[in-house]
Amino acid sequence: MTDIFTALADSTRRALLDELAERDGQTLFELCAKLATRHGISSSRQAITQHLGMLEAAGLVTTRRQGRYKFHHADFTPLRAISARWPIPQEDP
């Protein structure tokens, strides 16, 4: 679970997850373009690849190769484990 918190600690990685949550299955090129235009993040492709690698190691991103393209998909299952461990009580209306 420590990997999840480490992965979520970085604003660039959170922005990547936001983009994948909005539209799943994006390529590195698409993600780099959206980070630059929507979030003002102008990191190199190599840096974004490293961020995606950390998200993948934490189980928050999976990848699928199709031809020469690699598509990235969000997997929020590890976050469900966190909410199961520390449930948020329902507020009374």
C-alpha atoms as a PDB file:
ATOM      1  CA  MET A   1       0.000   0.000   0.000  1.00  0.00           C
ATOM      2  CA  THR A   2       2.986   2.311   0.483  1.00  0.00           C
ATOM      3  CA  ASP A   3       3.548   2.331  -3.289  1.00  0.00           C
ATOM      4  CA  ILE A   4       0.074   3.747  -3.798  1.00  0.00           C
ATOM      5  CA  PHE A   5       0.683   6.671  -1.457  1.00  0.00           C
ATOM      6  CA  THR A   6       4.084   7.334  -3.027  1.00  0.00           C
ATOM      7  CA  ALA A   7       2.549   7.261  -6.495  1.00  0.00           C
ATOM      8  CA  LEU A   8      -0.243   9.643  -5.500  1.00  0.00           C
ATOM      9  CA  ALA A   9       2.131  12.063  -3.753  1.00  0.00           C
ATOM     10  CA  ASP A  10       3.250  13.622  -7.037  1.00  0.00           C
ATOM     11  CA  SER A  11       1.028  16.186  -8.800  1.00  0.00           C
ATOM     12  CA  THR A  12       2.109  15.028 -12.281  1.00  0.00           C
ATOM     13  CA  ARG A  13       1.064  11.458 -11.519  1.00  0.00           C
ATOM     14  CA  ARG A  14      -2.263  12.674 -10.137  1.00  0.00           C
ATOM     15  CA  ALA A  15      -2.778  14.681 -13.350  1.00  0.00           C
ATOM     16  CA  LEU A  16      -2.036  11.552 -15.394  1.00  0.00           C
ATOM     17  CA  LEU A  17      -4.660   9.627 -13.428  1.00  0.00           C
ATOM     18  CA  ASP A  18      -7.135  12.492 -13.897  1.00  0.00           C
ATOM     19  CA  GLU A  19      -6.615  12.331 -17.651  1.00  0.00           C
ATOM     20  CA  LEU A  20      -6.983   8.548 -17.741  1.00  0.00           C
ATOM     21  CA  ALA A  21     -10.101   8.739 -15.562  1.00  0.00           C
ATOM     22  CA  GLU A  22     -11.603  11.192 -18.047  1.00  0.00           C
ATOM     23  CA  ARG A  23     -10.667   9.114 -21.116  1.00  0.00           C
ATOM     24  CA  ASP A  24      -9.116   5.720 -20.595  1.00  0.00           C
ATOM     25  CA  GLY A  25      -6.725   4.072 -23.060  1.00  0.00           C
ATOM     26  CA  GLN A  26      -4.479   6.946 -24.121  1.00  0.00           C
ATOM     27  CA  THR A  27      -1.021   6.814 -25.678  1.00  0.00           C
ATOM     28  CA  LEU A  28       2.048   8.528 -24.278  1.00  0.00           C
ATOM     29  CA  PHE A  29       1.784  11.188 -26.996  1.00  0.00           C
ATOM     30  CA  GLU A  30      -1.821  11.972 -26.058  1.00  0.00           C
ATOM     31  CA  LEU A  31      -1.020  12.135 -22.361  1.00  0.00           C
ATOM     32  CA  CYS A  32       1.984  14.424 -22.889  1.00  0.00           C
ATOM     33  CA  ALA A  33      -0.121  16.776 -25.009  1.00  0.00           C
ATOM     34  CA  LYS A  34      -2.926  16.929 -22.436  1.00  0.00           C
ATOM     35  CA  LEU A  35      -0.522  17.486 -19.549  1.00  0.00           C
ATOM     36  CA  ALA A  36       1.017  20.422 -21.422  1.00  0.00           C
ATOM     37  CA  THR A  37      -2.234  22.039 -22.567  1.00  0.00           C
ATOM     38  CA  ARG A  38      -4.547  21.395 -19.619  1.00  0.00           C
ATOM     39  CA  HIS A  39      -2.159  21.293 -16.685  1.00  0.00           C
ATOM     40  CA  GLY A  40       0.809  23.380 -17.824  1.00  0.00           C
ATOM     41  CA  ILE A  41       3.160  20.436 -17.229  1.00  0.00           C
ATOM     42  CA  SER A  42       5.932  20.468 -19.807  1.00  0.00           C
ATOM     43  CA  SER A  43       7.909  17.416 -18.727  1.00  0.00           C
ATOM     44  CA  SER A  44       9.821  15.358 -21.263  1.00  0.00           C
ATOM     45  CA  ARG A  45       8.336  12.178 -22.702  1.00  0.00           C
ATOM     46  CA  GLN A  46      10.965  10.242 -20.768  1.00  0.00           C
ATOM     47  CA  ALA A  47       9.879  11.861 -17.491  1.00  0.00           C
ATOM     48  CA  ILE A  48       6.211  11.100 -18.211  1.00  0.00           C
ATOM     49  CA  THR A  49       7.163   7.506 -19.037  1.00  0.00           C
ATOM     50  CA  GLN A  50       8.860   7.230 -15.640  1.00  0.00           C
ATOM     51  CA  HIS A  51       5.779   8.630 -13.906  1.00  0.00           C
ATOM     52  CA  LEU A  52       3.588   6.114 -15.754  1.00  0.00           C
ATOM     53  CA  GLY A  53       6.003   3.365 -14.702  1.00  0.00           C
ATOM     54  CA  MET A  54       5.606   4.310 -11.061  1.00  0.00           C
ATOM     55  CA  LEU A  55       1.806   4.325 -11.423  1.00  0.00           C
ATOM     56  CA  GLU A  56       2.021   0.922 -13.086  1.00  0.00           C
ATOM     57  CA  ALA A  57       4.235  -0.439 -10.291  1.00  0.00           C
ATOM     58  CA  ALA A  58       1.637   0.751  -7.766  1.00  0.00           C
ATOM     59  CA  GLY A  59      -1.088  -1.059  -9.721  1.00  0.00           C
ATOM     60  CA  LEU A  60      -2.896   2.159 -10.684  1.00  0.00           C
ATOM     61  CA  VAL A  61      -2.125   1.936 -14.420  1.00  0.00           C
ATOM     62  CA  THR A  62      -2.071  -0.999 -16.820  1.00  0.00           C
ATOM     63  CA  THR A  63      -0.796  -0.968 -20.384  1.00  0.00           C
ATOM     64  CA  ARG A  64      -1.809  -2.698 -23.588  1.00  0.00           C
ATOM     65  CA  ARG A  65       0.252  -2.862 -26.764  1.00  0.00           C
ATOM     66  CA  GLN A  66      -1.485  -2.672 -30.099  1.00  0.00           C
ATOM     67  CA  GLY A  67       0.881  -2.621 -33.031  1.00  0.00           C
ATOM     68  CA  ARG A  68       3.441   0.087 -32.403  1.00  0.00           C
ATOM     69  CA  TYR A  69       1.263   1.903 -29.870  1.00  0.00           C
ATOM     70  CA  LYS A  70       1.075   1.407 -26.127  1.00  0.00           C
ATOM     71  CA  PHE A  71      -2.228   2.339 -24.503  1.00  0.00           C
ATOM     72  CA  HIS A  72      -2.441   3.274 -20.828  1.00  0.00           C
ATOM     73  CA  HIS A  73      -5.474   2.413 -18.708  1.00  0.00           C
ATOM     74  CA  ALA A  74      -6.367   3.526 -15.186  1.00  0.00           C
ATOM     75  CA  ASP A  75      -7.050   0.821 -12.601  1.00  0.00           C
ATOM     76  CA  PHE A  76      -8.534   2.224  -9.410  1.00  0.00           C
ATOM     77  CA  THR A  77      -8.820  -1.168  -7.694  1.00  0.00           C
ATOM     78  CA  PRO A  78      -5.925  -0.399  -5.291  1.00  0.00           C
ATOM     79  CA  LEU A  79      -7.795   2.705  -4.117  1.00  0.00           C
ATOM     80  CA  ARG A  80     -10.770   0.525  -3.209  1.00  0.00           C
ATOM     81  CA  ALA A  81      -8.471  -1.428  -0.879  1.00  0.00           C
ATOM     82  CA  ILE A  82      -7.611   1.823   0.886  1.00  0.00           C
ATOM     83  CA  SER A  83     -11.253   2.795   1.324  1.00  0.00           C
ATOM     84  CA  ALA A  84     -12.035  -0.725   2.559  1.00  0.00           C
ATOM     85  CA  ARG A  85      -9.273  -0.460   5.150  1.00  0.00           C
ATOM     86  CA  TRP A  86     -10.327   2.995   6.312  1.00  0.00           C
ATOM     87  CA  PRO A  87     -13.999   3.374   5.420  1.00  0.00           C
ATOM     88  CA  ILE A  88     -15.522   6.820   5.371  1.00  0.00           C
ATOM     89  CA  PRO A  89     -18.624   6.880   7.564  1.00  0.00           C
ATOM     90  CA  GLN A  90     -21.865   8.036   5.972  1.00  0.00           C
ATOM     91  CA  GLU A  91     -23.132  11.357   7.268  1.00  0.00           C
ATOM     92  CA  ASP A  92     -26.657  11.569   8.562  1.00  0.00           C
ATOM     93  CA  PRO A  93     -28.868  13.926   6.542  1.00  0.00           C
END
